[in-house]
Amino acid sequence: MAALVATLLAAADGRSGQLLCGLMTQYGRARFALSAFAVATIVNAAASAAGGMIANASVGQGVLTLFQGMALVGAAVALVWPYRKPPRLAALPGPAWPALTAALALLFLGDSSQFLILTLAGTSGAGHWAAMGGCFGIAIGLLPALAMGPKIYARRAMVWLRRLACALLAGAGLRAVLAAFGLL
């Protein structure tokens, strides 16, 4: 549940939604782009959860809690960081769907949602639940873009939603950092 809420709040920035809408427009086939996006998200969530489980077995809980706090604060900063247009993927060689899926999986590697899934899997020890919650959180976060298009993120209500999500993630992150140092 924590991974679902954290990734849903992190998805309020609209970066993934704008990228998905751009891909659906670029390729002209919604199912094509949506399925490649979904598979890339699932692969990255599973890889992040596996990394979290490895960290759980080899690193102390205090360090993992500190990393979790840093991931939450980093996701909060990403919500208010200025954002340019999503990258336009060039014409892909070979079979288009596998190439698009691989390109998206590589593009998602530094996403704040991946760090959230990794640290939540590491602190909880339940990697499969963190991966599943993270995937559902990302999917629910894409619904506004799919329902109303990418321009929804420029509306005033979404700006306030991003600010609220930033405050919630920053508060949870600071709480985790304080807990890691034994101050809470």
C-alpha atoms as a PDB file:
ATOM      1  CA  MET A   1       0.000   0.000   0.000  1.00  0.00           C
ATOM      2  CA  ALA A   2       2.861   2.379   0.778  1.00  0.00           C
ATOM      3  CA  ALA A   3       4.356   1.838  -2.680  1.00  0.00           C
ATOM      4  CA  LEU A   4       0.982   2.479  -4.323  1.00  0.00           C
ATOM      5  CA  VAL A   5       0.488   5.769  -2.469  1.00  0.00           C
ATOM      6  CA  ALA A   6       4.084   6.927  -2.908  1.00  0.00           C
ATOM      7  CA  THR A   7       4.222   6.224  -6.645  1.00  0.00           C
ATOM      8  CA  LEU A   8       0.750   7.706  -7.149  1.00  0.00           C
ATOM      9  CA  LEU A   9       1.888  10.922  -5.468  1.00  0.00           C
ATOM     10  CA  ALA A  10       5.128  10.898  -7.480  1.00  0.00           C
ATOM     11  CA  ALA A  11       3.134  10.449 -10.713  1.00  0.00           C
ATOM     12  CA  ALA A  12       1.290  13.715 -10.082  1.00  0.00           C
ATOM     13  CA  ASP A  13       4.075  15.547 -11.906  1.00  0.00           C
ATOM     14  CA  GLY A  14       2.626  14.391 -15.215  1.00  0.00           C
ATOM     15  CA  ARG A  15       5.891  13.436 -16.869  1.00  0.00           C
ATOM     16  CA  SER A  16       4.855   9.850 -17.522  1.00  0.00           C
ATOM     17  CA  GLY A  17       1.370  10.866 -18.626  1.00  0.00           C
ATOM     18  CA  GLN A  18       2.701  13.390 -21.101  1.00  0.00           C
ATOM     19  CA  LEU A  19       5.207  10.871 -22.431  1.00  0.00           C
ATOM     20  CA  LEU A  20       2.505   8.243 -22.898  1.00  0.00           C
ATOM     21  CA  CYS A  21       0.170  10.692 -24.668  1.00  0.00           C
ATOM     22  CA  GLY A  22       3.037  11.745 -26.924  1.00  0.00           C
ATOM     23  CA  LEU A  23       3.808   8.127 -27.798  1.00  0.00           C
ATOM     24  CA  MET A  24       0.172   7.377 -28.541  1.00  0.00           C
ATOM     25  CA  THR A  25       0.084  10.386 -30.869  1.00  0.00           C
ATOM     26  CA  GLN A  26       3.441   9.578 -32.459  1.00  0.00           C
ATOM     27  CA  TYR A  27       2.593   5.963 -33.237  1.00  0.00           C
ATOM     28  CA  GLY A  28      -1.108   6.501 -33.875  1.00  0.00           C
ATOM     29  CA  ARG A  29      -2.041   3.270 -32.125  1.00  0.00           C
ATOM     30  CA  ALA A  30      -3.065   3.593 -28.504  1.00  0.00           C
ATOM     31  CA  ARG A  31      -2.833  -0.122 -27.658  1.00  0.00           C
ATOM     32  CA  PHE A  32       0.634  -0.358 -29.176  1.00  0.00           C
ATOM     33  CA  ALA A  33       2.100   2.450 -27.060  1.00  0.00           C
ATOM     34  CA  LEU A  34       0.111   1.568 -23.944  1.00  0.00           C
ATOM     35  CA  SER A  35       1.214  -2.073 -23.957  1.00  0.00           C
ATOM     36  CA  ALA A  36       4.882  -1.151 -24.464  1.00  0.00           C
ATOM     37  CA  PHE A  37       4.591   1.399 -21.647  1.00  0.00           C
ATOM     38  CA  ALA A  38       2.954  -1.159 -19.339  1.00  0.00           C
ATOM     39  CA  VAL A  39       5.551  -3.856 -19.964  1.00  0.00           C
ATOM     40  CA  ALA A  40       8.417  -1.399 -19.442  1.00  0.00           C
ATOM     41  CA  THR A  41       6.830  -0.233 -16.177  1.00  0.00           C
ATOM     42  CA  ILE A  42       6.354  -3.802 -14.929  1.00  0.00           C
ATOM     43  CA  VAL A  43       9.936  -4.770 -15.827  1.00  0.00           C
ATOM     44  CA  ASN A  44      11.373  -1.726 -14.057  1.00  0.00           C
ATOM     45  CA  ALA A  45       9.170  -2.225 -10.978  1.00  0.00           C
ATOM     46  CA  ALA A  46      10.218  -5.879 -10.744  1.00  0.00           C
ATOM     47  CA  ALA A  47      13.891  -4.976 -11.141  1.00  0.00           C
ATOM     48  CA  SER A  48      13.601  -2.250  -8.498  1.00  0.00           C
ATOM     49  CA  ALA A  49      11.849  -4.595  -6.086  1.00  0.00           C
ATOM     50  CA  ALA A  50      14.519  -7.245  -6.661  1.00  0.00           C
ATOM     51  CA  GLY A  51      17.188  -4.659  -5.885  1.00  0.00           C
ATOM     52  CA  GLY A  52      15.305  -3.726  -2.740  1.00  0.00           C
ATOM     53  CA  MET A  53      15.163  -7.347  -1.637  1.00  0.00           C
ATOM     54  CA  ILE A  54      18.913  -7.700  -2.179  1.00  0.00           C
ATOM     55  CA  ALA A  55      19.453  -4.537  -0.133  1.00  0.00           C
ATOM     56  CA  ASN A  56      17.150  -5.882   2.584  1.00  0.00           C
ATOM     57  CA  ALA A  57      19.313  -8.971   2.922  1.00  0.00           C
ATOM     58  CA  SER A  58      22.633  -7.136   2.924  1.00  0.00           C
ATOM     59  CA  VAL A  59      22.135  -3.647   4.421  1.00  0.00           C
ATOM     60  CA  GLY A  60      20.906  -2.573   7.846  1.00  0.00           C
ATOM     61  CA  GLN A  61      17.400  -1.197   8.327  1.00  0.00           C
ATOM     62  CA  GLY A  62      18.705   2.188   9.494  1.00  0.00           C
ATOM     63  CA  VAL A  63      20.548   2.725   6.236  1.00  0.00           C
ATOM     64  CA  LEU A  64      17.548   1.550   4.222  1.00  0.00           C
ATOM     65  CA  THR A  65      15.279   3.935   6.136  1.00  0.00           C
ATOM     66  CA  LEU A  66      17.686   6.776   5.385  1.00  0.00           C
ATOM     67  CA  PHE A  67      17.659   5.863   1.678  1.00  0.00           C
ATOM     68  CA  GLN A  68      13.866   5.686   1.787  1.00  0.00           C
ATOM     69  CA  GLY A  69      13.719   9.188   3.238  1.00  0.00           C
ATOM     70  CA  MET A  70      16.084  10.444   0.566  1.00  0.00           C
ATOM     71  CA  ALA A  71      13.967   8.800  -2.159  1.00  0.00           C
ATOM     72  CA  LEU A  72      10.800  10.412  -0.792  1.00  0.00           C
ATOM     73  CA  VAL A  73      12.415  13.854  -0.605  1.00  0.00           C
ATOM     74  CA  GLY A  74      13.853  13.361  -4.105  1.00  0.00           C
ATOM     75  CA  ALA A  75      10.385  12.512  -5.423  1.00  0.00           C
ATOM     76  CA  ALA A  76       9.041  15.650  -3.737  1.00  0.00           C
ATOM     77  CA  VAL A  77      11.707  17.788  -5.404  1.00  0.00           C
ATOM     78  CA  ALA A  78      10.931  16.178  -8.775  1.00  0.00           C
ATOM     79  CA  LEU A  79       7.306  17.281  -8.418  1.00  0.00           C
ATOM     80  CA  VAL A  80       8.231  20.967  -8.363  1.00  0.00           C
ATOM     81  CA  TRP A  81      11.256  20.788 -10.666  1.00  0.00           C
ATOM     82  CA  PRO A  82      10.716  22.595 -14.007  1.00  0.00           C
ATOM     83  CA  TYR A  83       9.904  20.165 -16.762  1.00  0.00           C
ATOM     84  CA  ARG A  84      10.503  20.345 -20.474  1.00  0.00           C
ATOM     85  CA  LYS A  85       8.568  18.514 -23.124  1.00  0.00           C
ATOM     86  CA  PRO A  86       8.895  14.739 -22.971  1.00  0.00           C
ATOM     87  CA  PRO A  87      11.526  13.252 -25.264  1.00  0.00           C
ATOM     88  CA  ARG A  88      10.345  12.246 -28.694  1.00  0.00           C
ATOM     89  CA  LEU A  89      11.631   8.818 -29.502  1.00  0.00           C
ATOM     90  CA  ALA A  90      13.150   8.579 -32.959  1.00  0.00           C
ATOM     91  CA  ALA A  91      12.098   6.008 -35.492  1.00  0.00           C
ATOM     92  CA  LEU A  92      13.074   2.711 -33.984  1.00  0.00           C
ATOM     93  CA  PRO A  93      14.943   0.029 -35.942  1.00  0.00           C
ATOM     94  CA  GLY A  94      13.744  -3.537 -36.220  1.00  0.00           C
ATOM     95  CA  PRO A  95      10.479  -4.755 -34.760  1.00  0.00           C
ATOM     96  CA  ALA A  96       8.937  -1.609 -33.361  1.00  0.00           C
ATOM     97  CA  TRP A  97       7.215  -2.986 -30.240  1.00  0.00           C
ATOM     98  CA  PRO A  98      10.262  -4.691 -28.645  1.00  0.00           C
ATOM     99  CA  ALA A  99      12.455  -1.718 -29.486  1.00  0.00           C
ATOM    100  CA  LEU A 100       9.938   0.739 -28.032  1.00  0.00           C
ATOM    101  CA  THR A 101       9.568  -1.352 -24.878  1.00  0.00           C
ATOM    102  CA  ALA A 102      13.340  -1.538 -24.408  1.00  0.00           C
ATOM    103  CA  ALA A 103      13.726   2.211 -25.034  1.00  0.00           C
ATOM    104  CA  LEU A 104      11.038   2.987 -22.467  1.00  0.00           C
ATOM    105  CA  ALA A 105      12.568   0.611 -19.916  1.00  0.00           C
ATOM    106  CA  LEU A 106      15.903   2.408 -20.296  1.00  0.00           C
ATOM    107  CA  LEU A 107      14.203   5.805 -20.141  1.00  0.00           C
ATOM    108  CA  PHE A 108      12.503   4.913 -16.839  1.00  0.00           C
ATOM    109  CA  LEU A 109      15.741   3.869 -15.110  1.00  0.00           C
ATOM    110  CA  GLY A 110      16.235   7.108 -13.193  1.00  0.00           C
ATOM    111  CA  ASP A 111      12.595   7.776 -12.409  1.00  0.00           C
ATOM    112  CA  SER A 112      11.707   8.655  -8.822  1.00  0.00           C
ATOM    113  CA  SER A 113       9.070   5.922  -8.776  1.00  0.00           C
ATOM    114  CA  GLN A 114      11.761   3.296  -9.314  1.00  0.00           C
ATOM    115  CA  PHE A 115      13.746   4.558  -6.312  1.00  0.00           C
ATOM    116  CA  LEU A 116      10.580   4.584  -4.217  1.00  0.00           C
ATOM    117  CA  ILE A 117       9.808   0.978  -5.127  1.00  0.00           C
ATOM    118  CA  LEU A 118      13.417  -0.068  -4.427  1.00  0.00           C
ATOM    119  CA  THR A 119      13.572   1.560  -1.000  1.00  0.00           C
ATOM    120  CA  LEU A 120      10.080   0.454   0.033  1.00  0.00           C
ATOM    121  CA  ALA A 121      10.887  -3.121  -0.970  1.00  0.00           C
ATOM    122  CA  GLY A 122      14.129  -2.882   0.976  1.00  0.00           C
ATOM    123  CA  THR A 123      12.603  -1.546   4.174  1.00  0.00           C
ATOM    124  CA  SER A 124       9.523  -3.771   4.140  1.00  0.00           C
ATOM    125  CA  GLY A 125      11.107  -6.985   2.896  1.00  0.00           C
ATOM    126  CA  ALA A 126       8.070  -7.606   0.677  1.00  0.00           C
ATOM    127  CA  GLY A 127       9.412  -6.969  -2.807  1.00  0.00           C
ATOM    128  CA  HIS A 128       6.499  -8.490  -4.690  1.00  0.00           C
ATOM    129  CA  TRP A 129       4.006  -6.256  -2.872  1.00  0.00           C
ATOM    130  CA  ALA A 130       6.166  -3.172  -3.433  1.00  0.00           C
ATOM    131  CA  ALA A 131       6.446  -3.958  -7.155  1.00  0.00           C
ATOM    132  CA  MET A 132       2.725  -4.581  -7.500  1.00  0.00           C
ATOM    133  CA  GLY A 133       1.772  -1.487  -5.505  1.00  0.00           C
ATOM    134  CA  GLY A 134       4.218   0.618  -7.494  1.00  0.00           C
ATOM    135  CA  CYS A 135       2.805  -0.609 -10.816  1.00  0.00           C
ATOM    136  CA  PHE A 136      -0.756   0.127  -9.696  1.00  0.00           C
ATOM    137  CA  GLY A 137       0.271   3.566  -8.397  1.00  0.00           C
ATOM    138  CA  ILE A 138       1.902   4.452 -11.707  1.00  0.00           C
ATOM    139  CA  ALA A 139      -1.124   3.144 -13.633  1.00  0.00           C
ATOM    140  CA  ILE A 140      -3.582   5.150 -11.550  1.00  0.00           C
ATOM    141  CA  GLY A 141      -1.348   8.204 -11.948  1.00  0.00           C
ATOM    142  CA  LEU A 142      -1.650   7.878 -15.737  1.00  0.00           C
ATOM    143  CA  LEU A 143      -5.459   7.954 -15.728  1.00  0.00           C
ATOM    144  CA  PRO A 144      -5.845  11.780 -15.864  1.00  0.00           C
ATOM    145  CA  ALA A 145      -3.640  11.972 -18.958  1.00  0.00           C
ATOM    146  CA  LEU A 146      -5.443   9.093 -20.626  1.00  0.00           C
ATOM    147  CA  ALA A 147      -8.876  10.515 -19.822  1.00  0.00           C
ATOM    148  CA  MET A 148      -8.306  14.194 -20.584  1.00  0.00           C
ATOM    149  CA  GLY A 149      -5.059  14.477 -22.492  1.00  0.00           C
ATOM    150  CA  PRO A 150      -1.672  15.899 -21.539  1.00  0.00           C
ATOM    151  CA  LYS A 151      -2.917  19.479 -21.191  1.00  0.00           C
ATOM    152  CA  ILE A 152      -4.604  18.607 -17.894  1.00  0.00           C
ATOM    153  CA  TYR A 153      -1.272  18.998 -16.106  1.00  0.00           C
ATOM    154  CA  ALA A 154      -1.199  22.719 -16.873  1.00  0.00           C
ATOM    155  CA  ARG A 155      -4.510  23.382 -15.096  1.00  0.00           C
ATOM    156  CA  ARG A 156      -4.530  25.204 -11.794  1.00  0.00           C
ATOM    157  CA  ALA A 157      -6.036  22.246  -9.911  1.00  0.00           C
ATOM    158  CA  MET A 158      -3.184  19.995 -11.029  1.00  0.00           C
ATOM    159  CA  VAL A 159      -0.624  22.599  -9.961  1.00  0.00           C
ATOM    160  CA  TRP A 160      -2.144  22.595  -6.475  1.00  0.00           C
ATOM    161  CA  LEU A 161      -2.288  18.804  -6.497  1.00  0.00           C
ATOM    162  CA  ARG A 162       1.423  18.673  -7.329  1.00  0.00           C
ATOM    163  CA  ARG A 163       2.164  21.052  -4.455  1.00  0.00           C
ATOM    164  CA  LEU A 164       0.105  18.960  -2.049  1.00  0.00           C
ATOM    165  CA  ALA A 165       1.817  15.765  -3.226  1.00  0.00           C
ATOM    166  CA  CYS A 166       5.190  17.494  -2.816  1.00  0.00           C
ATOM    167  CA  ALA A 167       4.366  18.459   0.758  1.00  0.00           C
ATOM    168  CA  LEU A 168       3.168  14.957   1.623  1.00  0.00           C
ATOM    169  CA  LEU A 169       6.226  13.255   0.116  1.00  0.00           C
ATOM    170  CA  ALA A 170       8.624  15.760   1.694  1.00  0.00           C
ATOM    171  CA  GLY A 171       6.985  15.314   5.111  1.00  0.00           C
ATOM    172  CA  ALA A 172       7.162  11.529   4.882  1.00  0.00           C
ATOM    173  CA  GLY A 173      10.759  11.743   3.685  1.00  0.00           C
ATOM    174  CA  LEU A 174      11.844  14.028   6.511  1.00  0.00           C
ATOM    175  CA  ARG A 175      10.094  11.743   8.998  1.00  0.00           C
ATOM    176  CA  ALA A 176      11.988   8.746   7.593  1.00  0.00           C
ATOM    177  CA  VAL A 177      15.322  10.590   7.741  1.00  0.00           C
ATOM    178  CA  LEU A 178      14.696  11.584  11.352  1.00  0.00           C
ATOM    179  CA  ALA A 179      13.706   8.018  12.192  1.00  0.00           C
ATOM    180  CA  ALA A 180      16.895   6.708  10.557  1.00  0.00           C
ATOM    181  CA  PHE A 181      18.964   8.854  12.890  1.00  0.00           C
ATOM    182  CA  GLY A 182      16.867   7.868  15.909  1.00  0.00           C
ATOM    183  CA  LEU A 183      15.451  11.350  16.368  1.00  0.00           C
ATOM    184  CA  LEU A 184      11.832  10.292  16.058  1.00  0.00           C
END
